[in-house]
């Protein structure tokens, strides 16, 4: 979902309002409400309601995690391909050494600085946060899940 807000290191985290502010709180309130209800009106069906509410909440969280895992795999592939095209031959063979957090951070680096930053990340063992802080020209990603 494109946005007019400029992305930077300080403002690149993405909140999904429907998930973070509606669905997740409703699921958690349902679990808490079912626990309170079972406490006040003990019975096998009220205990079953707790199990169902917890199961639904776990399913909700797992579905979100699955989409994030797929996104991470796509980012890994995309950034390895991009770096293969941007980097010279001596460094090209080291691209698989970059870990997932480094590749995820490098997706925000412009093409002009990505290769040098990737090499610096490997040589200095930079974390994802350190890579993001080092980016001079931010490449926004508005298509994240």
N, C-alpha and C. Protein backbone atom coordinates (compact mmCIF):
# COMPACT_ATOMS: atom_id res chain seq x y z
N UNK A 1 0.84 -1.16 0.00
CA UNK A 1 0.00 0.00 0.00
C UNK A 1 0.90 1.24 0.00
N UNK A 2 1.05 1.94 -1.13
CA UNK A 2 1.90 3.11 -1.18
C UNK A 2 1.40 4.19 -0.25
N UNK A 3 2.34 4.92 0.27
CA UNK A 3 2.02 6.01 1.17
C UNK A 3 2.83 7.23 0.76
N UNK A 4 2.34 8.40 1.10
CA UNK A 4 3.05 9.61 0.74
C UNK A 4 4.13 9.95 1.77
N UNK A 5 4.12 9.26 2.90
CA UNK A 5 5.11 9.53 3.95
C UNK A 5 6.48 9.00 3.54
N UNK A 6 7.48 9.84 3.65
CA UNK A 6 8.84 9.48 3.28
C UNK A 6 9.41 8.46 4.27
N UNK A 7 10.06 7.42 3.77
CA UNK A 7 10.68 6.43 4.64
C UNK A 7 12.11 6.83 4.94
N UNK A 8 12.54 6.50 6.15
CA UNK A 8 13.92 6.71 6.58
C UNK A 8 14.20 5.69 7.67
N UNK A 9 15.41 5.72 8.22
CA UNK A 9 15.72 4.81 9.31
C UNK A 9 14.76 5.03 10.48
N UNK A 10 14.47 6.28 10.76
CA UNK A 10 13.60 6.61 11.91
C UNK A 10 12.14 6.23 11.65
N UNK A 11 11.72 6.20 10.38
CA UNK A 11 10.31 5.96 10.08
C UNK A 11 10.14 4.91 9.00
N UNK A 12 10.63 3.69 9.24
CA UNK A 12 10.45 2.65 8.23
C UNK A 12 9.66 1.46 8.75
N UNK A 13 9.40 1.41 10.04
CA UNK A 13 8.59 0.30 10.59
C UNK A 13 7.17 0.44 10.05
N UNK A 14 6.56 -0.69 9.79
CA UNK A 14 5.23 -0.67 9.21
C UNK A 14 4.23 -1.32 10.16
N UNK A 15 3.16 -0.60 10.42
CA UNK A 15 2.07 -1.12 11.23
C UNK A 15 0.92 -1.44 10.29
N UNK A 16 0.32 -2.61 10.48
CA UNK A 16 -0.87 -2.98 9.74
C UNK A 16 -2.05 -2.70 10.67
N UNK A 17 -2.75 -1.59 10.46
CA UNK A 17 -3.80 -1.19 11.42
C UNK A 17 -4.84 -2.26 11.68
N UNK A 18 -5.27 -2.97 10.66
CA UNK A 18 -6.30 -4.00 10.87
C UNK A 18 -5.77 -5.10 11.78
N UNK A 19 -4.52 -5.53 11.57
CA UNK A 19 -3.97 -6.59 12.41
C UNK A 19 -3.58 -6.06 13.79
N UNK A 20 -2.77 -5.00 13.82
CA UNK A 20 -2.19 -4.53 15.09
C UNK A 20 -3.20 -3.84 16.01
N UNK A 21 -4.19 -3.17 15.45
CA UNK A 21 -5.09 -2.37 16.29
C UNK A 21 -6.50 -2.90 16.39
N UNK A 22 -6.85 -3.90 15.58
CA UNK A 22 -8.20 -4.46 15.65
C UNK A 22 -8.16 -5.96 15.93
N UNK A 23 -7.62 -6.74 14.99
CA UNK A 23 -7.68 -8.19 15.09
C UNK A 23 -6.93 -8.74 16.30
N UNK A 24 -5.68 -8.35 16.48
CA UNK A 24 -4.89 -8.87 17.61
C UNK A 24 -5.48 -8.46 18.96
N UNK A 25 -5.85 -7.18 19.16
CA UNK A 25 -6.47 -6.84 20.45
C UNK A 25 -7.79 -7.57 20.70
N UNK A 26 -8.61 -7.74 19.66
CA UNK A 26 -9.87 -8.47 19.84
C UNK A 26 -9.59 -9.91 20.25
N UNK A 27 -8.60 -10.54 19.62
CA UNK A 27 -8.25 -11.92 19.97
C UNK A 27 -7.78 -12.01 21.41
N UNK A 28 -6.91 -11.09 21.81
CA UNK A 28 -6.41 -11.12 23.19
C UNK A 28 -7.52 -10.82 24.20
N UNK A 29 -8.39 -9.88 23.89
CA UNK A 29 -9.52 -9.60 24.79
C UNK A 29 -10.47 -10.79 24.88
N UNK A 30 -10.62 -11.52 23.79
CA UNK A 30 -11.47 -12.71 23.80
C UNK A 30 -10.88 -13.78 24.71
N UNK A 31 -9.57 -13.96 24.65
CA UNK A 31 -8.92 -14.93 25.55
C UNK A 31 -9.11 -14.49 27.00
N UNK A 32 -8.82 -13.23 27.28
CA UNK A 32 -8.98 -12.73 28.67
C UNK A 32 -10.44 -12.82 29.12
N UNK A 33 -11.37 -12.44 28.24
CA UNK A 33 -12.79 -12.50 28.59
C UNK A 33 -13.25 -13.93 28.86
N UNK A 34 -12.75 -14.87 28.07
CA UNK A 34 -13.15 -16.27 28.28
C UNK A 34 -12.58 -16.80 29.60
N UNK A 35 -11.38 -16.36 29.96
CA UNK A 35 -10.80 -16.77 31.25
C UNK A 35 -11.61 -16.21 32.41
N UNK A 36 -11.95 -14.93 32.33
CA UNK A 36 -12.76 -14.30 33.40
C UNK A 36 -14.12 -14.98 33.49
N UNK A 37 -14.73 -15.23 32.34
CA UNK A 37 -16.05 -15.89 32.33
C UNK A 37 -15.96 -17.29 32.95
N UNK A 38 -14.92 -18.04 32.59
CA UNK A 38 -14.76 -19.39 33.15
C UNK A 38 -14.48 -19.34 34.65
N UNK A 39 -13.78 -18.31 35.09
CA UNK A 39 -13.49 -18.16 36.52
C UNK A 39 -14.78 -17.90 37.30
N UNK A 40 -15.63 -17.05 36.74
CA UNK A 40 -16.88 -16.70 37.42
C UNK A 40 -17.95 -17.80 37.30
N UNK A 41 -17.97 -18.50 36.19
CA UNK A 41 -18.99 -19.52 35.92
C UNK A 41 -18.28 -20.80 35.49
N UNK A 42 -17.67 -21.46 36.46
CA UNK A 42 -16.87 -22.64 36.14
C UNK A 42 -17.73 -23.74 35.52
N UNK A 43 -17.21 -24.28 34.43
CA UNK A 43 -17.90 -25.38 33.75
C UNK A 43 -17.04 -25.87 32.60
N UNK A 44 -17.32 -27.09 32.16
CA UNK A 44 -16.51 -27.68 31.10
C UNK A 44 -16.59 -26.88 29.81
N UNK A 45 -17.76 -26.35 29.47
CA UNK A 45 -17.90 -25.58 28.23
C UNK A 45 -17.19 -24.24 28.31
N UNK A 46 -17.13 -23.67 29.48
CA UNK A 46 -16.40 -22.41 29.64
C UNK A 46 -14.89 -22.65 29.56
N UNK A 47 -14.44 -23.80 30.04
CA UNK A 47 -13.02 -24.15 29.86
C UNK A 47 -12.74 -24.40 28.38
N UNK A 48 -13.69 -25.04 27.72
CA UNK A 48 -13.53 -25.27 26.28
C UNK A 48 -13.46 -23.95 25.51
N UNK A 49 -14.21 -22.95 25.95
CA UNK A 49 -14.18 -21.63 25.33
C UNK A 49 -12.77 -21.03 25.43
N UNK A 50 -12.11 -21.24 26.55
CA UNK A 50 -10.73 -20.77 26.71
C UNK A 50 -9.82 -21.45 25.69
N UNK A 51 -9.96 -22.75 25.57
CA UNK A 51 -9.14 -23.51 24.61
C UNK A 51 -9.37 -22.99 23.19
N UNK A 52 -10.62 -22.79 22.82
CA UNK A 52 -10.95 -22.30 21.47
C UNK A 52 -10.39 -20.89 21.26
N UNK A 53 -10.52 -20.01 22.25
CA UNK A 53 -10.03 -18.64 22.12
C UNK A 53 -8.50 -18.62 21.99
N UNK A 54 -7.82 -19.43 22.78
CA UNK A 54 -6.36 -19.50 22.69
C UNK A 54 -5.95 -20.08 21.33
N UNK A 55 -6.63 -21.11 20.89
CA UNK A 55 -6.32 -21.72 19.59
C UNK A 55 -6.51 -20.71 18.46
N UNK A 56 -7.60 -19.96 18.49
CA UNK A 56 -7.85 -18.96 17.45
C UNK A 56 -6.77 -17.87 17.47
N UNK A 57 -6.34 -17.48 18.65
CA UNK A 57 -5.29 -16.46 18.77
C UNK A 57 -3.96 -16.99 18.25
N UNK A 58 -3.64 -18.23 18.56
CA UNK A 58 -2.40 -18.84 18.06
C UNK A 58 -2.45 -18.94 16.53
N UNK A 59 -3.59 -19.34 15.98
CA UNK A 59 -3.74 -19.41 14.53
C UNK A 59 -3.54 -18.04 13.90
N UNK A 60 -4.13 -17.02 14.49
CA UNK A 60 -4.00 -15.65 13.98
C UNK A 60 -2.53 -15.22 13.95
N UNK A 61 -1.82 -15.46 15.03
CA UNK A 61 -0.41 -15.07 15.11
C UNK A 61 0.43 -15.88 14.13
N UNK A 62 0.16 -17.18 14.04
CA UNK A 62 0.93 -18.03 13.11
C UNK A 62 0.70 -17.60 11.66
N UNK A 63 -0.53 -17.27 11.29
CA UNK A 63 -0.79 -16.80 9.93
C UNK A 63 0.01 -15.55 9.63
N UNK A 64 0.09 -14.65 10.58
CA UNK A 64 0.90 -13.44 10.40
C UNK A 64 2.37 -13.81 10.25
N UNK A 65 2.85 -14.74 11.07
CA UNK A 65 4.25 -15.15 11.00
C UNK A 65 4.58 -15.84 9.69
N UNK A 66 3.65 -16.63 9.17
CA UNK A 66 3.89 -17.30 7.89
C UNK A 66 4.09 -16.27 6.77
N UNK A 67 3.25 -15.25 6.74
CA UNK A 67 3.41 -14.24 5.69
C UNK A 67 4.72 -13.49 5.86
N UNK A 68 5.15 -13.24 7.09
CA UNK A 68 6.44 -12.57 7.31
C UNK A 68 7.61 -13.47 6.91
N UNK A 69 7.50 -14.78 7.14
CA UNK A 69 8.57 -15.70 6.73
C UNK A 69 8.68 -15.75 5.21
N UNK A 70 7.55 -15.76 4.52
CA UNK A 70 7.58 -15.75 3.06
C UNK A 70 8.20 -14.45 2.56
N UNK A 71 7.82 -13.35 3.18
CA UNK A 71 8.38 -12.06 2.80
C UNK A 71 9.90 -12.07 2.99
N UNK A 72 10.38 -12.63 4.08
CA UNK A 72 11.83 -12.69 4.32
C UNK A 72 12.53 -13.51 3.24
N UNK A 73 11.92 -14.61 2.83
CA UNK A 73 12.53 -15.44 1.78
C UNK A 73 12.58 -14.68 0.46
N UNK A 74 11.53 -13.95 0.14
CA UNK A 74 11.52 -13.17 -1.10
C UNK A 74 12.57 -12.07 -1.04
N UNK A 75 12.68 -11.40 0.10
CA UNK A 75 13.69 -10.35 0.25
C UNK A 75 15.08 -10.94 0.08
N UNK A 76 15.33 -12.10 0.69
CA UNK A 76 16.64 -12.74 0.57
C UNK A 76 16.97 -13.01 -0.90
N UNK A 77 16.03 -13.57 -1.62
CA UNK A 77 16.25 -13.86 -3.03
C UNK A 77 16.45 -12.58 -3.83
N UNK A 78 15.57 -11.62 -3.62
CA UNK A 78 15.63 -10.35 -4.36
C UNK A 78 16.96 -9.63 -4.12
N UNK A 79 17.39 -9.57 -2.88
CA UNK A 79 18.63 -8.84 -2.58
C UNK A 79 19.86 -9.58 -3.08
N UNK A 80 19.84 -10.91 -3.03
CA UNK A 80 20.98 -11.66 -3.60
C UNK A 80 21.07 -11.43 -5.10
N UNK A 81 19.94 -11.42 -5.78
CA UNK A 81 19.94 -11.14 -7.22
C UNK A 81 20.40 -9.72 -7.50
N UNK A 82 19.91 -8.78 -6.74
CA UNK A 82 20.29 -7.37 -6.95
C UNK A 82 21.78 -7.18 -6.72
N UNK A 83 22.30 -7.76 -5.63
CA UNK A 83 23.73 -7.63 -5.33
C UNK A 83 24.59 -8.34 -6.36
N UNK A 84 24.10 -9.45 -6.91
CA UNK A 84 24.84 -10.15 -7.95
C UNK A 84 25.05 -9.23 -9.16
N UNK A 85 24.03 -8.45 -9.47
CA UNK A 85 24.14 -7.52 -10.59
C UNK A 85 24.96 -6.28 -10.27
N UNK A 86 24.99 -5.89 -8.99
CA UNK A 86 25.67 -4.65 -8.61
C UNK A 86 27.14 -4.85 -8.24
N UNK A 87 27.48 -6.04 -7.77
CA UNK A 87 28.83 -6.27 -7.25
C UNK A 87 29.76 -6.83 -8.32
N UNK A 88 31.03 -6.51 -8.15
CA UNK A 88 32.04 -7.07 -9.03
C UNK A 88 32.35 -8.51 -8.66
N UNK A 89 33.11 -9.16 -9.52
CA UNK A 89 33.39 -10.59 -9.34
C UNK A 89 34.10 -10.96 -8.04
N UNK A 90 35.07 -10.23 -7.56
CA UNK A 90 35.71 -10.71 -6.32
C UNK A 90 34.72 -10.81 -5.15
N UNK A 91 33.79 -9.88 -5.09
CA UNK A 91 32.85 -9.89 -3.96
C UNK A 91 31.61 -10.74 -4.25
N UNK A 92 31.28 -10.95 -5.50
CA UNK A 92 30.05 -11.66 -5.87
C UNK A 92 29.97 -13.04 -5.22
N UNK A 93 31.08 -13.72 -5.09
CA UNK A 93 31.07 -15.07 -4.51
C UNK A 93 30.83 -15.04 -3.00
N UNK A 94 30.95 -13.87 -2.35
CA UNK A 94 30.73 -13.76 -0.90
C UNK A 94 29.29 -13.39 -0.54
N UNK A 95 28.47 -13.08 -1.52
CA UNK A 95 27.09 -12.66 -1.25
C UNK A 95 26.33 -13.68 -0.40
N UNK A 96 26.47 -14.99 -0.62
CA UNK A 96 25.75 -15.95 0.24
C UNK A 96 26.15 -15.89 1.71
N UNK A 97 27.27 -15.25 2.04
CA UNK A 97 27.69 -15.13 3.43
C UNK A 97 26.85 -14.12 4.21
N UNK A 98 26.16 -13.23 3.49
CA UNK A 98 25.30 -12.25 4.17
C UNK A 98 24.13 -12.98 4.83
N UNK A 99 23.87 -12.68 6.10
CA UNK A 99 22.75 -13.34 6.76
C UNK A 99 21.44 -12.61 6.44
N UNK A 100 20.34 -13.20 6.84
CA UNK A 100 19.03 -12.66 6.50
C UNK A 100 18.83 -11.24 7.02
N UNK A 101 19.24 -10.96 8.25
CA UNK A 101 19.03 -9.62 8.79
C UNK A 101 19.84 -8.58 8.01
N UNK A 102 21.02 -8.95 7.55
CA UNK A 102 21.83 -8.03 6.74
C UNK A 102 21.16 -7.78 5.38
N UNK A 103 20.66 -8.84 4.76
CA UNK A 103 19.99 -8.68 3.47
C UNK A 103 18.72 -7.86 3.60
N UNK A 104 17.98 -8.08 4.67
CA UNK A 104 16.75 -7.31 4.90
C UNK A 104 17.09 -5.83 5.05
N UNK A 105 18.16 -5.52 5.76
CA UNK A 105 18.57 -4.12 5.92
C UNK A 105 19.07 -3.54 4.61
N UNK A 106 19.79 -4.32 3.83
CA UNK A 106 20.35 -3.83 2.57
C UNK A 106 19.28 -3.48 1.55
N UNK A 107 18.07 -4.01 1.69
CA UNK A 107 17.04 -3.70 0.71
C UNK A 107 16.68 -2.22 0.72
N UNK A 108 17.02 -1.51 1.80
CA UNK A 108 16.75 -0.08 1.89
C UNK A 108 17.86 0.78 1.30
N UNK A 109 19.00 0.18 0.96
CA UNK A 109 20.13 0.93 0.41
C UNK A 109 19.92 1.15 -1.09
N UNK A 110 20.28 2.33 -1.54
CA UNK A 110 20.18 2.62 -2.97
C UNK A 110 21.17 1.75 -3.73
N UNK A 111 20.96 1.61 -5.03
CA UNK A 111 21.86 0.81 -5.86
C UNK A 111 23.29 1.36 -5.81
N UNK A 112 23.41 2.67 -5.70
CA UNK A 112 24.74 3.29 -5.71
C UNK A 112 25.58 2.89 -4.50
N UNK A 113 24.94 2.64 -3.37
CA UNK A 113 25.71 2.32 -2.17
C UNK A 113 25.55 0.88 -1.68
N UNK A 114 24.70 0.10 -2.31
CA UNK A 114 24.40 -1.25 -1.82
C UNK A 114 25.63 -2.16 -1.84
N UNK A 115 26.37 -2.17 -2.92
CA UNK A 115 27.51 -3.07 -3.04
C UNK A 115 28.57 -2.76 -1.99
N UNK A 116 28.92 -1.50 -1.85
CA UNK A 116 29.94 -1.11 -0.86
C UNK A 116 29.46 -1.39 0.56
N UNK A 117 28.19 -1.15 0.80
CA UNK A 117 27.63 -1.39 2.13
C UNK A 117 27.57 -2.89 2.44
N UNK A 118 27.26 -3.70 1.44
CA UNK A 118 27.24 -5.16 1.63
C UNK A 118 28.64 -5.67 1.96
N UNK A 119 29.64 -5.17 1.25
CA UNK A 119 31.02 -5.58 1.51
C UNK A 119 31.45 -5.15 2.91
N UNK A 120 31.07 -3.92 3.28
CA UNK A 120 31.38 -3.43 4.63
C UNK A 120 30.67 -4.27 5.69
N UNK A 121 29.44 -4.67 5.40
CA UNK A 121 28.67 -5.48 6.35
C UNK A 121 29.36 -6.81 6.61
N UNK A 122 29.90 -7.42 5.56
CA UNK A 122 30.60 -8.69 5.73
C UNK A 122 31.95 -8.52 6.43
N UNK A 123 32.69 -7.52 6.01
CA UNK A 123 34.03 -7.33 6.57
C UNK A 123 33.99 -6.88 8.03
N UNK A 124 32.99 -6.09 8.39
CA UNK A 124 32.88 -5.57 9.76
C UNK A 124 31.82 -6.27 10.58
N UNK A 125 31.15 -7.28 9.99
CA UNK A 125 30.09 -8.02 10.67
C UNK A 125 29.02 -7.07 11.23
N UNK A 126 28.52 -6.17 10.36
CA UNK A 126 27.51 -5.21 10.78
C UNK A 126 26.16 -5.91 11.00
N UNK A 127 25.42 -5.43 11.98
CA UNK A 127 24.06 -5.93 12.21
C UNK A 127 23.11 -5.22 11.24
N UNK A 128 21.89 -5.72 11.18
CA UNK A 128 20.89 -5.07 10.34
C UNK A 128 20.67 -3.63 10.73
N UNK A 129 20.61 -3.35 12.01
CA UNK A 129 20.40 -1.98 12.48
C UNK A 129 21.57 -1.08 12.08
N UNK A 130 22.78 -1.58 12.21
CA UNK A 130 23.95 -0.80 11.84
C UNK A 130 23.97 -0.51 10.34
N UNK A 131 23.55 -1.47 9.55
CA UNK A 131 23.47 -1.26 8.10
C UNK A 131 22.45 -0.17 7.80
N UNK A 132 21.28 -0.25 8.40
CA UNK A 132 20.25 0.76 8.16
C UNK A 132 20.73 2.15 8.58
N UNK A 133 21.44 2.23 9.69
CA UNK A 133 21.96 3.52 10.15
C UNK A 133 23.01 4.08 9.19
N UNK A 134 23.72 3.22 8.48
CA UNK A 134 24.79 3.65 7.57
C UNK A 134 24.27 4.06 6.20
N UNK A 135 23.04 3.78 5.90
CA UNK A 135 22.50 4.10 4.57
C UNK A 135 22.38 5.62 4.42
N UNK A 136 22.91 6.11 3.32
CA UNK A 136 22.86 7.55 3.04
C UNK A 136 21.63 7.92 2.20
N UNK A 137 21.36 7.12 1.16
CA UNK A 137 20.21 7.36 0.28
C UNK A 137 19.23 6.21 0.48
N UNK A 138 18.13 6.49 1.16
CA UNK A 138 17.15 5.48 1.55
C UNK A 138 16.31 5.08 0.35
N UNK A 139 16.19 3.78 0.13
CA UNK A 139 15.35 3.21 -0.93
C UNK A 139 14.09 2.69 -0.25
N UNK A 140 12.97 3.40 -0.37
CA UNK A 140 11.78 2.99 0.36
C UNK A 140 11.20 1.67 -0.12
N UNK A 141 10.55 0.97 0.80
CA UNK A 141 9.87 -0.28 0.49
C UNK A 141 8.44 -0.15 1.03
N UNK A 142 7.51 0.15 0.14
CA UNK A 142 6.13 0.34 0.55
C UNK A 142 5.29 -0.92 0.37
N UNK A 143 5.90 -2.00 -0.10
CA UNK A 143 5.16 -3.22 -0.41
C UNK A 143 5.28 -4.28 0.68
N UNK A 144 5.79 -3.93 1.83
CA UNK A 144 5.99 -4.91 2.89
C UNK A 144 4.66 -5.37 3.46
N UNK A 145 4.67 -6.60 3.99
CA UNK A 145 3.48 -7.16 4.65
C UNK A 145 3.39 -6.58 6.04
